[in-house]
């Protein structure tokens, strides 16, 4: 119930759309019931008139039947339009809300989740929440209102008939859905978990298809998929059996209620309490009244899966970010030198120090190179500088302002990053560049591309700036994708620059072109260059050598950093 209330609070902005949808649902149900009941009354009355028992006003009921038919058709269209609009608005709100809570968790908290699993939550799990309003809340509210109105109508003819219809509707609209919900809760939750895992496996397999092919692991992954599909099919078969039984129970209750109402009403005809056409109308009215509760068993059976999906979303949303911004932010730095003092950082209390007593200074407009083997702490250094992870001891200051006194957004606004894995989205070159500065003019885009050394190549492309780069930039070469990322950094024009293995994975020719672009980018910017490629390293001086989270020192000279020439000599 807490999950339902939480989702309702998130949808309160669309309450007018929700109420409008419920109102139209009530109108459609009443029009449908009235149409069938009035048609039964009219046909019976016409039959009696045909054998000469009585005269009737033909035009009024005929016009009413036509009006109800039109009202039902138009009302059904409007009801679907409004309820789906309300649902789509809710899903859009949920996606924005989910992303707003997801973004502060990256990357520290999200490292424990697979990318395919996160994609499944933000797409499939949120999509499944459409059941809550569209299939549960709106039909349930409409059923309550229409049941009260229909019972009040039947009371005009017979309290016993009204009681029979009320009991049947309560059993079909409350008891059967509750049983279906309880029987389907476990299988629904399991189906959501299996679907999420299956989507994550498929996404990871597509992303790593080349590696799976090289290591001949495709058959093993296919076997995993088959096992997941088998488990999913088992839950769906169980759900289908539950749905069949609940549908049969609802139909049985509908038929029993109709026949019971007819049996009760027959003596009323003989006593002239009601007429023969009223008898036909009552029987068909009771039969049609179950239209109000017909969708509820299936909806409540699916509620278990809906709430399981909601809990998967809330699990992410309720995660506490690794970095908390200060309650009152200090003024933004006016200088852009970087001072790191006795920095110690580790990812968990029981893990070794990833950074252990690291200290250095980068003057404004100066540069510092960082080298070291894998696991030496280079990536950890970037993480704490960008406020992705927090540190336990020491201090980091930008222009004399501790980074803990400003928000992570402020730190990242002052910093541009070019990394080995800089992401390009599956859209145009223009849109990828505008991520850095959405209001940039086309001349500014061209200038950034020129500084990055790729303008001529972009201009030669058939679509130029509107050329699609493909998923993760696959339509571009490695060097082109890296220079697009450099152009994005030029466009951002941040005073601090972090280069994290910017030339890794490039061939010699592409590396030379990228290094030339990086040299232009580094000019007058406070730069931290992390690399083990000597061609890039010649643009940074001094060079800090990390080993196991510590700065390597020379005891004889008591120095903590080396020059570029010393690094070259040490590497052979």
Protein backbone atom coordinates (compact mmCIF):
# COMPACT_ATOMS: atom_id res chain seq x y z
CA UNK A 1 0.00 0.00 0.00
CA UNK A 2 2.91 2.34 0.71
CA UNK A 3 4.15 1.84 -2.85
CA UNK A 4 0.68 2.66 -4.24
CA UNK A 5 0.43 5.82 -2.13
CA UNK A 6 3.90 6.88 -3.21
CA UNK A 7 2.99 6.50 -6.87
CA UNK A 8 -0.22 8.44 -6.29
CA UNK A 9 1.74 11.31 -4.78
CA UNK A 10 3.94 11.37 -7.89
CA UNK A 11 0.87 11.56 -10.13
CA UNK A 12 -0.95 14.30 -8.21
CA UNK A 13 0.00 16.88 -10.84
CA UNK A 14 -2.25 15.05 -13.33
CA UNK A 15 -5.26 14.62 -11.03
CA UNK A 16 -7.57 16.55 -13.37
CA UNK A 17 -6.76 14.20 -16.24
CA UNK A 18 -7.25 11.24 -13.91
CA UNK A 19 -10.64 12.41 -12.68
CA UNK A 20 -11.75 13.19 -16.22
CA UNK A 21 -10.83 9.66 -17.29
CA UNK A 22 -12.75 8.15 -14.37
CA UNK A 23 -15.79 10.32 -15.14
CA UNK A 24 -15.79 9.21 -18.78
CA UNK A 25 -15.41 5.56 -17.70
CA UNK A 26 -18.50 5.93 -15.49
CA UNK A 27 -20.43 7.45 -18.40
CA UNK A 28 -19.40 4.66 -20.80
CA UNK A 29 -20.36 1.88 -18.36
CA UNK A 30 -23.75 3.45 -17.64
CA UNK A 31 -24.37 4.02 -21.36
CA UNK A 32 -23.55 0.38 -22.10
CA UNK A 33 -25.78 -0.95 -19.32
CA UNK A 34 -28.58 1.43 -20.22
CA UNK A 35 -28.36 0.54 -23.91
CA UNK A 36 -28.69 -3.21 -23.31
CA UNK A 37 -31.43 -2.84 -20.68
CA UNK A 38 -33.47 -0.34 -22.70
CA UNK A 39 -33.11 -2.47 -25.84
CA UNK A 40 -34.47 -5.48 -23.95
CA UNK A 41 -37.38 -3.44 -22.61
CA UNK A 42 -38.11 -1.96 -26.05
CA UNK A 43 -38.02 -5.28 -27.93
CA UNK A 44 -40.32 -6.87 -25.38
CA UNK A 45 -42.70 -3.94 -25.47
CA UNK A 46 -42.75 -4.01 -29.27
CA UNK A 47 -43.57 -7.72 -29.17
CA UNK A 48 -46.50 -7.10 -26.85
CA UNK A 49 -47.66 -4.23 -29.01
CA UNK A 50 -47.46 -6.52 -32.05
CA UNK A 51 -49.95 -8.98 -30.59
CA UNK A 52 -52.25 -6.12 -29.72
CA UNK A 53 -51.85 -5.99 -25.98
CA UNK A 54 -50.92 -2.32 -25.80
CA UNK A 55 -49.86 0.77 -27.70
CA UNK A 56 -46.47 2.38 -27.16
CA UNK A 57 -44.59 5.54 -28.01
CA UNK A 58 -42.14 4.18 -30.56
CA UNK A 59 -40.07 7.29 -31.15
CA UNK A 60 -38.91 8.14 -27.63
CA UNK A 61 -37.24 4.79 -26.71
CA UNK A 62 -35.87 4.42 -30.26
CA UNK A 63 -34.27 7.85 -30.01
CA UNK A 64 -32.94 7.01 -26.53
CA UNK A 65 -31.36 3.80 -27.84
CA UNK A 66 -29.67 5.70 -30.66
CA UNK A 67 -28.47 8.36 -28.22
CA UNK A 68 -27.05 5.74 -25.85
CA UNK A 69 -25.30 3.96 -28.73
CA UNK A 70 -23.69 7.21 -29.88
CA UNK A 71 -22.84 8.16 -26.29
CA UNK A 72 -21.20 4.79 -25.68
CA UNK A 73 -19.11 5.00 -28.87
CA UNK A 74 -18.03 8.62 -28.43
CA UNK A 75 -17.56 8.17 -24.68
CA UNK A 76 -15.37 5.10 -25.20
CA UNK A 77 -13.17 7.01 -27.63
CA UNK A 78 -12.84 9.99 -25.30
CA UNK A 79 -12.30 7.74 -22.29
CA UNK A 80 -9.43 5.93 -24.03
CA UNK A 81 -8.00 9.25 -25.18
CA UNK A 82 -8.11 10.87 -21.74
CA UNK A 83 -7.00 7.86 -19.69
CA UNK A 84 -4.06 7.19 -22.00
CA UNK A 85 -3.13 10.87 -21.92
CA UNK A 86 -3.15 10.74 -18.13
CA UNK A 87 -1.06 7.57 -18.20
CA UNK A 88 1.50 8.94 -20.65
CA UNK A 89 1.82 12.12 -18.63
CA UNK A 90 2.44 10.04 -15.52
CA UNK A 91 5.09 7.91 -17.26
CA UNK A 92 6.82 11.03 -18.58
CA UNK A 93 6.83 12.52 -15.09
CA UNK A 94 8.16 9.27 -13.63
CA UNK A 95 11.01 9.08 -16.15
CA UNK A 96 12.13 12.63 -15.40
CA UNK A 97 11.77 12.04 -11.66
CA UNK A 98 13.71 8.77 -11.89
CA UNK A 99 16.53 10.36 -13.89
CA UNK A 100 16.73 13.29 -11.47
CA UNK A 101 17.40 10.78 -8.69
CA UNK A 102 19.61 8.55 -10.85
CA UNK A 103 22.06 11.25 -11.97
CA UNK A 104 23.47 12.06 -8.49
CA UNK A 105 24.20 8.35 -7.98
CA UNK A 106 26.60 8.15 -10.92
CA UNK A 107 29.09 6.67 -10.95
CA UNK A 108 29.77 5.69 -7.32
CA UNK A 109 26.46 4.01 -6.51
CA UNK A 110 25.61 2.84 -10.01
CA UNK A 111 28.74 0.70 -10.30
CA UNK A 112 26.81 -2.05 -8.51
CA UNK A 113 24.14 -2.17 -11.25
CA UNK A 114 24.51 -3.53 -14.75
CA UNK A 115 23.87 -1.11 -17.58
CA UNK A 116 21.22 -3.36 -19.12
CA UNK A 117 19.46 -3.61 -15.77
CA UNK A 118 19.33 0.18 -15.39
CA UNK A 119 17.99 0.46 -18.94
CA UNK A 120 15.32 -2.11 -18.09
CA UNK A 121 14.27 -0.14 -15.01
CA UNK A 122 14.03 3.22 -16.73
CA UNK A 123 12.14 1.82 -19.72
CA UNK A 124 10.30 -1.46 -19.09
CA UNK A 125 9.68 -1.11 -15.36
CA UNK A 126 8.36 2.43 -15.67
CA UNK A 127 6.26 1.39 -18.68
CA UNK A 128 4.66 -1.36 -16.58
CA UNK A 129 3.43 1.26 -14.11
CA UNK A 130 0.75 2.26 -16.63
CA UNK A 131 -1.25 -0.61 -15.14
CA UNK A 132 -1.73 1.27 -11.89
CA UNK A 133 -3.97 4.04 -13.21
CA UNK A 134 -5.11 2.62 -16.53
CA UNK A 135 -6.07 -0.88 -15.36
CA UNK A 136 -6.47 -0.63 -11.57
CA UNK A 137 -7.27 2.82 -10.19
CA UNK A 138 -9.52 4.20 -12.94
CA UNK A 139 -11.60 0.99 -13.40
CA UNK A 140 -11.86 0.49 -9.63
CA UNK A 141 -13.09 4.04 -9.03
CA UNK A 142 -15.51 3.82 -11.95
CA UNK A 143 -16.79 0.47 -10.66
CA UNK A 144 -17.54 1.87 -7.20
CA UNK A 145 -19.51 4.81 -8.62
CA UNK A 146 -21.45 2.79 -11.20
CA UNK A 147 -22.30 -0.01 -8.74
CA UNK A 148 -23.87 2.51 -6.36
CA UNK A 149 -25.86 4.13 -9.18
CA UNK A 150 -27.01 0.82 -10.64
CA UNK A 151 -28.11 -0.56 -7.28
CA UNK A 152 -30.07 2.63 -6.60
CA UNK A 153 -31.78 2.20 -9.97
CA UNK A 154 -32.76 -1.42 -9.23
CA UNK A 155 -34.17 -0.40 -5.85
CA UNK A 156 -36.98 1.34 -7.76
CA UNK A 157 -38.18 -2.09 -8.88
CA UNK A 158 -37.14 -4.54 -6.16
CA UNK A 159 -34.88 -4.44 -3.11
CA UNK A 160 -34.24 -8.19 -3.48
CA UNK A 161 -33.08 -7.84 -7.07
CA UNK A 162 -30.85 -4.91 -6.06
CA UNK A 163 -29.37 -6.98 -3.23
CA UNK A 164 -28.68 -9.94 -5.56
CA UNK A 165 -26.95 -7.68 -8.07
CA UNK A 166 -24.94 -5.97 -5.31
CA UNK A 167 -23.75 -9.28 -3.86
CA UNK A 168 -22.76 -10.59 -7.29
CA UNK A 169 -20.92 -7.39 -8.16
CA UNK A 170 -19.07 -7.32 -4.84
CA UNK A 171 -18.00 -10.95 -5.24
CA UNK A 172 -16.90 -10.44 -8.86
CA UNK A 173 -15.41 -6.98 -8.25
CA UNK A 174 -13.75 -7.50 -4.86
CA UNK A 175 -13.43 -11.16 -3.86
CA UNK A 176 -12.28 -12.51 -7.23
CA UNK A 177 -9.74 -9.67 -7.82
CA UNK A 178 -8.33 -10.09 -4.30
CA UNK A 179 -7.89 -13.84 -4.86
CA UNK A 180 -6.31 -13.21 -8.29
CA UNK A 181 -3.98 -10.59 -6.81
CA UNK A 182 -2.80 -12.87 -4.04
CA UNK A 183 -2.30 -15.81 -6.38
CA UNK A 184 -0.49 -13.69 -8.97
CA UNK A 185 1.65 -11.60 -6.61
CA UNK A 186 4.59 -14.00 -6.36
CA UNK A 187 4.63 -14.97 -10.03
CA UNK A 188 4.27 -11.33 -11.06
CA UNK A 189 7.25 -10.28 -8.95
CA UNK A 190 9.27 -13.20 -10.29
CA UNK A 191 8.33 -12.32 -13.88
CA UNK A 192 9.56 -8.74 -13.39
CA UNK A 193 12.85 -9.96 -11.94
CA UNK A 194 13.37 -12.52 -14.72
CA UNK A 195 12.51 -10.00 -17.45
CA UNK A 196 14.91 -7.47 -15.93
CA UNK A 197 17.74 -10.00 -15.77
CA UNK A 198 17.00 -11.21 -19.29
CA UNK A 199 17.04 -7.69 -20.72
CA UNK A 200 20.30 -6.98 -18.90
CA UNK A 201 21.84 -10.20 -20.30
CA UNK A 202 20.73 -9.34 -23.83
CA UNK A 203 22.03 -5.77 -23.59
CA UNK A 204 25.37 -6.93 -22.21
CA UNK A 205 25.65 -9.63 -24.88
CA UNK A 206 25.00 -7.16 -27.70
CA UNK A 207 27.57 -4.77 -26.25
CA UNK A 208 30.13 -7.54 -25.86
CA UNK A 209 29.22 -9.54 -28.97
CA UNK A 210 32.72 -9.28 -30.43
CA UNK A 211 34.38 -10.62 -27.29
CA UNK A 212 31.82 -13.43 -26.97
CA UNK A 213 32.46 -14.39 -30.57
CA UNK A 214 36.24 -14.37 -30.16
CA UNK A 215 36.11 -16.49 -26.98
CA UNK A 216 33.41 -18.78 -28.42
CA UNK A 217 31.03 -18.07 -25.56
CA UNK A 218 27.91 -17.39 -27.63
CA UNK A 219 26.53 -20.90 -27.09
CA UNK A 220 26.92 -20.59 -23.34
CA UNK A 221 25.11 -17.24 -23.38
CA UNK A 222 22.37 -18.69 -25.59
CA UNK A 223 21.85 -21.45 -23.03
CA UNK A 224 21.45 -18.82 -20.31
CA UNK A 225 18.85 -17.03 -22.42
CA UNK A 226 16.93 -20.26 -22.92
CA UNK A 227 16.89 -20.93 -19.19
CA UNK A 228 15.62 -17.41 -18.51
CA UNK A 229 12.96 -17.74 -21.20
CA UNK A 230 11.87 -21.07 -19.75
CA UNK A 231 11.49 -19.52 -16.30
CA UNK A 232 9.57 -16.58 -17.79
CA UNK A 233 7.25 -18.89 -19.73
CA UNK A 234 6.56 -20.88 -16.57
CA UNK A 235 5.41 -17.76 -14.72
CA UNK A 236 3.32 -16.65 -17.71
CA UNK A 237 1.62 -20.07 -17.89
CA UNK A 238 0.75 -19.80 -14.20
CA UNK A 239 -0.59 -16.29 -14.74
CA UNK A 240 -2.67 -17.54 -17.68
CA UNK A 241 -4.20 -20.29 -15.52
CA UNK A 242 -5.02 -17.78 -12.78
CA UNK A 243 -6.56 -15.45 -15.35
CA UNK A 244 -8.66 -18.28 -16.82
CA UNK A 245 -10.00 -19.34 -13.42
CA UNK A 246 -10.81 -15.77 -12.35
CA UNK A 247 -12.55 -15.09 -15.67
CA UNK A 248 -14.61 -18.25 -15.28
CA UNK A 249 -15.59 -17.28 -11.73
CA UNK A 250 -16.63 -13.81 -12.86
CA UNK A 251 -18.74 -15.24 -15.69
CA UNK A 252 -20.35 -17.73 -13.32
CA UNK A 253 -21.24 -14.99 -10.84
CA UNK A 254 -22.67 -12.88 -13.66
CA UNK A 255 -24.89 -15.71 -14.90
CA UNK A 256 -26.03 -16.69 -11.40
CA UNK A 257 -26.89 -13.08 -10.57
CA UNK A 258 -28.86 -12.65 -13.77
CA UNK A 259 -30.88 -15.83 -13.27
CA UNK A 260 -31.44 -15.11 -9.59
CA UNK A 261 -32.75 -11.64 -10.43
CA UNK A 262 -35.08 -13.08 -13.07
CA UNK A 263 -36.39 -15.73 -10.66
CA UNK A 264 -37.02 -13.04 -8.04
CA UNK A 265 -38.70 -10.72 -10.56
CA UNK A 266 -41.10 -13.26 -12.11
CA UNK A 267 -43.50 -13.26 -9.13
CA UNK A 268 -43.47 -9.48 -9.21
CA UNK A 269 -44.90 -9.64 -12.75
CA UNK A 270 -47.68 -11.97 -11.68
CA UNK A 271 -48.54 -9.59 -8.83
CA UNK A 272 -48.46 -6.65 -11.28
CA UNK A 273 -45.69 -4.93 -9.33
CA UNK A 274 -43.67 -4.72 -12.53
CA UNK A 275 -44.53 -5.32 -16.19
CA UNK A 276 -43.28 -7.99 -18.57
CA UNK A 277 -40.95 -5.57 -20.38
CA UNK A 278 -39.59 -4.55 -16.97
CA UNK A 279 -38.69 -8.21 -16.36
CA UNK A 280 -36.64 -8.35 -19.56
CA UNK A 281 -35.06 -5.03 -18.71
CA UNK A 282 -34.08 -6.20 -15.19
CA UNK A 283 -32.47 -9.41 -16.43
CA UNK A 284 -30.42 -7.65 -19.09
CA UNK A 285 -29.60 -4.77 -16.73
CA UNK A 286 -28.10 -7.18 -14.18
CA UNK A 287 -26.22 -9.00 -16.94
CA UNK A 288 -24.77 -5.76 -18.32
CA UNK A 289 -23.95 -4.38 -14.86
CA UNK A 290 -21.01 -6.79 -14.63
CA UNK A 291 -19.31 -4.72 -17.33
CA UNK A 292 -18.29 -2.46 -14.45
CA UNK A 293 -16.20 -5.16 -12.74
CA UNK A 294 -15.15 -7.32 -15.72
CA UNK A 295 -11.60 -5.87 -16.06
CA UNK A 296 -10.77 -5.93 -12.34
CA UNK A 297 -9.62 -9.58 -11.81
CA UNK A 298 -7.01 -9.36 -14.58
CA UNK A 299 -5.93 -5.90 -13.45
CA UNK A 300 -5.42 -6.91 -9.84
CA UNK A 301 -3.64 -10.07 -10.90
CA UNK A 302 -1.12 -7.87 -12.76
CA UNK A 303 -0.84 -5.55 -9.76
CA UNK A 304 1.85 -7.79 -8.22
CA UNK A 305 4.08 -7.28 -11.25
CA UNK A 306 3.33 -3.55 -11.26
CA UNK A 307 4.29 -3.10 -7.62
CA UNK A 308 7.38 -5.27 -8.06
CA UNK A 309 8.46 -2.94 -10.88
CA UNK A 310 7.73 0.07 -8.65
CA UNK A 311 9.93 -1.39 -5.90
CA UNK A 312 12.78 -1.88 -8.40
CA UNK A 313 12.50 1.81 -9.25
CA UNK A 314 12.25 2.92 -5.61
CA UNK A 315 15.31 0.81 -4.77
CA UNK A 316 17.41 3.08 -7.00
CA UNK A 317 15.66 6.30 -6.01
CA UNK A 318 16.09 5.62 -2.29
CA UNK A 319 19.82 4.98 -2.61
CA UNK A 320 21.85 7.63 -0.86
CA UNK A 321 24.34 9.42 -3.14
CA UNK A 322 28.02 8.95 -2.38
CA UNK A 323 28.53 12.72 -2.52
CA UNK A 324 26.38 15.18 -0.58
CA UNK A 325 26.46 18.79 -1.70
CA UNK A 326 26.86 21.41 1.05
CA UNK A 327 23.67 22.89 2.49
CA UNK A 328 25.07 26.38 1.85
CA UNK A 329 27.44 26.59 -1.11
CA UNK A 330 30.57 28.71 -0.94
CA UNK A 331 31.20 31.32 -3.68
CA UNK A 332 32.52 29.82 -6.89
CA UNK A 333 36.34 29.90 -7.22
CA UNK A 334 37.78 32.93 -8.98
CA UNK A 335 41.22 31.36 -9.50
CA UNK A 336 41.79 27.99 -11.07
CA UNK A 337 44.94 26.58 -9.52
CA UNK A 338 44.46 23.11 -8.03
CA UNK A 339 45.95 22.19 -4.65
CA UNK A 340 45.83 18.59 -3.38
CA UNK A 341 47.14 17.99 0.16
CA UNK A 342 47.75 14.63 1.88
CA UNK A 343 44.83 13.07 0.03
CA UNK A 344 43.66 9.66 1.24
CA UNK A 345 40.74 7.84 -0.34
CA UNK A 346 39.35 4.33 -0.43
CA UNK A 347 36.12 2.87 -1.78
CA UNK A 348 35.09 0.96 1.33
CA UNK A 349 36.20 0.74 4.94
CA UNK A 350 37.55 -2.79 4.49
CA UNK A 351 39.46 -2.02 1.28
CA UNK A 352 43.03 -0.72 0.93
CA UNK A 353 43.71 2.93 0.26
CA UNK A 354 43.32 3.76 -3.43
CA UNK A 355 45.09 7.08 -2.76
CA UNK A 356 47.42 7.31 0.22
CA UNK A 357 48.90 10.68 1.09
CA UNK A 358 48.91 12.20 -2.40
CA UNK A 359 49.92 15.87 -2.60
CA UNK A 360 50.58 18.14 -5.57
CA UNK A 361 49.88 21.60 -6.93
CA UNK A 362 48.95 22.65 -10.45
CA UNK A 363 49.30 26.41 -10.93
CA UNK A 364 46.65 28.23 -12.90
CA UNK A 365 47.31 27.62 -16.58
CA UNK A 366 49.96 25.02 -15.74
CA UNK A 367 49.98 21.28 -16.30
CA UNK A 368 50.80 18.09 -14.44
CA UNK A 369 51.30 14.66 -15.95
CA UNK A 370 50.40 11.49 -14.06
CA UNK A 371 51.75 8.06 -14.94
CA UNK A 372 51.59 4.73 -13.24
CA UNK A 373 50.58 1.11 -13.78
CA UNK A 374 46.99 -0.11 -13.65
CA UNK A 375 45.65 0.03 -10.11
CA UNK A 376 48.05 2.77 -9.08
CA UNK A 377 45.23 5.25 -8.34
CA UNK A 378 45.02 7.34 -11.52
CA UNK A 379 41.30 6.78 -12.04
CA UNK A 380 40.62 7.31 -8.34
CA UNK A 381 42.36 10.67 -8.58
CA UNK A 382 40.02 11.72 -11.40
CA UNK A 383 37.00 10.48 -9.45
CA UNK A 384 37.73 12.62 -6.39
CA UNK A 385 38.69 15.68 -8.43
CA UNK A 386 35.36 15.55 -10.27
CA UNK A 387 33.44 14.89 -7.03
CA UNK A 388 32.20 11.49 -8.20
CA UNK A 389 33.62 9.89 -5.06
CA UNK A 390 34.45 11.45 -1.73
CA UNK A 391 37.79 11.21 0.06
CA UNK A 392 38.33 10.39 3.71
CA UNK A 393 41.37 12.52 4.60
CA UNK A 394 43.28 15.48 3.24
CA UNK A 395 42.00 18.35 1.14
CA UNK A 396 41.37 19.44 -2.45
CA UNK A 397 41.14 23.14 -3.24
CA UNK A 398 40.39 25.03 -6.44
CA UNK A 399 41.56 28.61 -6.26
CA UNK A 400 41.77 28.29 -2.47
CA UNK A 401 38.16 27.07 -2.17
CA UNK A 402 37.72 23.53 -0.75
CA UNK A 403 35.77 21.40 -3.23
CA UNK A 404 33.61 20.10 -0.38
CA UNK A 405 32.29 23.64 0.09
CA UNK A 406 30.87 23.83 -3.44
CA UNK A 407 28.46 21.56 -5.26
CA UNK A 408 29.59 18.80 -7.56
CA UNK A 409 27.79 20.60 -10.38
CA UNK A 410 29.96 23.68 -9.81
CA UNK A 411 33.16 21.61 -9.88
CA UNK A 412 32.13 19.88 -13.09
CA UNK A 413 31.05 23.17 -14.66
CA UNK A 414 34.61 24.42 -14.17
CA UNK A 415 36.12 21.24 -15.61
CA UNK A 416 36.26 19.74 -19.09
CA UNK A 417 37.16 16.08 -19.49
CA UNK A 418 38.53 14.20 -22.48
CA UNK A 419 38.84 10.51 -21.70
CA UNK A 420 39.52 7.28 -23.49
CA UNK A 421 35.84 6.35 -23.12
CA UNK A 422 34.27 9.76 -23.79
CA UNK A 423 30.75 8.93 -24.91
CA UNK A 424 29.19 10.06 -28.16
CA UNK A 425 25.42 9.67 -28.35
CA UNK A 426 23.67 8.12 -31.32
CA UNK A 427 22.74 11.43 -32.88
CA UNK A 428 24.38 14.06 -35.07
CA UNK A 429 27.78 15.68 -34.61
CA UNK A 430 25.94 18.94 -33.98
CA UNK A 431 23.87 17.53 -31.12
CA UNK A 432 26.90 15.89 -29.55
CA UNK A 433 28.74 19.22 -29.57
CA UNK A 434 25.77 21.15 -28.20
CA UNK A 435 25.90 19.03 -25.05
CA UNK A 436 28.80 21.25 -24.00
CA UNK A 437 26.98 24.51 -24.71
CA UNK A 438 23.38 24.28 -25.95
CA UNK A 439 23.23 27.92 -27.09
CA UNK A 440 26.37 27.78 -29.26
CA UNK A 441 26.07 29.26 -32.74
CA UNK A 442 27.14 27.32 -35.84
CA UNK A 443 30.22 29.53 -36.24
CA UNK A 444 31.27 28.55 -32.71
CA UNK A 445 30.78 24.86 -33.55
CA UNK A 446 33.01 25.29 -36.61
CA UNK A 447 35.65 27.09 -34.53
CA UNK A 448 35.69 24.27 -31.97
CA UNK A 449 36.01 21.66 -34.71
CA UNK A 450 38.81 23.66 -36.32
CA UNK A 451 40.72 23.86 -33.03
CA UNK A 452 40.25 20.11 -32.61
CA UNK A 453 41.67 19.51 -36.08
CA UNK A 454 38.59 17.84 -37.55
CA UNK A 455 36.67 20.63 -39.28
CA UNK A 456 37.82 19.74 -42.80
CA UNK A 457 36.78 16.11 -42.32
CA UNK A 458 33.33 17.11 -41.00
CA UNK A 459 32.79 19.56 -43.87
CA UNK A 460 33.63 16.79 -46.36
CA UNK A 461 30.95 14.52 -44.88
CA UNK A 462 27.67 14.47 -46.89
CA UNK A 463 25.57 15.75 -43.98
CA UNK A 464 28.37 17.81 -42.39
CA UNK A 465 27.33 18.80 -38.84
CA UNK A 466 24.14 16.77 -39.18
CA UNK A 467 26.07 13.55 -39.82
CA UNK A 468 24.92 10.79 -37.46
CA UNK A 469 27.80 9.32 -35.47
CA UNK A 470 26.13 5.97 -34.67
CA UNK A 471 25.87 4.17 -31.38
CA UNK A 472 28.83 5.27 -29.21
CA UNK A 473 30.36 6.93 -32.30
CA UNK A 474 30.77 3.69 -34.28
CA UNK A 475 30.39 5.50 -37.65
CA UNK A 476 33.51 7.51 -36.90
CA UNK A 477 37.10 6.32 -36.62
CA UNK A 478 38.69 6.24 -33.19
CA UNK A 479 40.69 9.38 -33.92
CA UNK A 480 37.64 11.23 -35.26
CA UNK A 481 35.54 10.32 -32.22
CA UNK A 482 38.32 11.48 -29.88
CA UNK A 483 38.65 14.80 -31.73
CA UNK A 484 34.88 15.35 -31.56
CA UNK A 485 35.25 14.96 -27.81
CA UNK A 486 38.12 17.47 -27.86
CA UNK A 487 35.96 19.90 -29.87
CA UNK A 488 33.30 19.52 -27.20
CA UNK A 489 35.89 20.51 -24.58
CA UNK A 490 36.91 23.53 -26.69
CA UNK A 491 33.26 24.55 -26.88
CA UNK A 492 32.75 24.22 -23.14
CA UNK A 493 35.81 26.43 -22.58
CA UNK A 494 36.26 25.35 -18.95
CA UNK A 495 39.33 26.71 -17.11
CA UNK A 496 40.34 23.28 -15.76
CA UNK A 497 41.06 20.33 -18.02
CA UNK A 498 41.35 16.64 -17.17
CA UNK A 499 42.76 14.35 -19.85
CA UNK A 500 42.36 10.70 -18.92
CA UNK A 501 44.27 8.46 -21.36
CA UNK A 502 43.10 10.66 -24.27
CA UNK A 503 45.20 8.86 -26.89
CA UNK A 504 44.72 5.29 -25.72
CA UNK A 505 43.74 2.83 -28.46
CA UNK A 506 44.71 5.09 -31.38
CA UNK A 507 47.11 4.26 -34.16
CA UNK A 508 50.27 6.33 -34.53
CA UNK A 509 48.88 8.72 -37.16
CA UNK A 510 45.65 9.35 -35.25
CA UNK A 511 47.61 9.79 -32.04
CA UNK A 512 49.77 12.52 -33.58
CA UNK A 513 46.70 14.41 -34.80
CA UNK A 514 44.96 14.08 -31.42
CA UNK A 515 48.08 15.15 -29.50
CA UNK A 516 48.36 18.28 -31.63
CA UNK A 517 44.72 19.12 -30.86
CA UNK A 518 45.31 18.45 -27.17
CA UNK A 519 48.28 20.81 -27.14
CA UNK A 520 46.01 23.58 -28.38
CA UNK A 521 43.33 22.65 -25.87
CA UNK A 522 45.77 22.69 -22.93
CA UNK A 523 46.98 26.22 -23.69
CA UNK A 524 46.16 28.56 -20.76
CA UNK A 525 44.14 25.87 -18.99
CA UNK A 526 44.99 24.17 -15.68
CA UNK A 527 45.58 20.65 -16.95
CA UNK A 528 45.90 17.21 -15.37
CA UNK A 529 47.11 14.73 -18.00
CA UNK A 530 46.88 11.03 -17.17
CA UNK A 531 48.58 8.84 -19.72
CA UNK A 532 51.25 6.26 -20.28
CA UNK A 533 51.79 7.32 -23.90
CA UNK A 534 55.02 9.31 -24.07
CA UNK A 535 53.95 11.31 -27.12
CA UNK A 536 51.12 12.92 -25.11
CA UNK A 537 53.22 13.18 -21.97
CA UNK A 538 55.72 15.61 -23.55
CA UNK A 539 53.10 18.37 -23.22
CA UNK A 540 52.98 18.03 -19.40
CA UNK A 541 55.71 18.96 -17.01
CA UNK A 542 56.33 17.98 -14.26
CA UNK A 543 55.18 14.36 -14.16
CA UNK A 544 53.86 12.62 -11.07
CA UNK A 545 54.49 8.88 -10.82
CA UNK A 546 51.88 6.88 -8.87
CA UNK A 547 52.43 3.42 -7.46
CA UNK A 548 49.83 1.66 -5.29
CA UNK A 549 48.13 4.95 -4.45
CA UNK A 550 51.34 6.71 -3.44
CA UNK A 551 53.64 9.12 -5.20
CA UNK A 552 56.90 7.39 -5.96
CA UNK A 553 59.79 9.20 -4.32
CA UNK A 554 63.53 9.17 -4.82
CA UNK A 555 65.00 8.86 -1.29
CA UNK A 556 68.34 10.17 -2.43
CA UNK A 557 66.92 13.42 -3.78
CA UNK A 558 63.69 13.46 -1.74
CA UNK A 559 61.58 14.41 -4.78
CA UNK A 560 57.97 13.43 -5.39
CA UNK A 561 57.71 14.19 -9.08
CA UNK A 562 59.88 13.76 -12.14
CA UNK A 563 60.42 15.74 -15.29
CA UNK A 564 59.22 14.49 -18.65
CA UNK A 565 62.80 13.60 -19.64
CA UNK A 566 63.27 11.50 -16.50
CA UNK A 567 60.07 9.57 -17.24
CA UNK A 568 61.23 8.94 -20.79
CA UNK A 569 64.55 7.62 -19.50
CA UNK A 570 62.84 5.45 -16.86
CA UNK A 571 60.63 3.88 -19.54
CA UNK A 572 63.60 2.83 -21.64
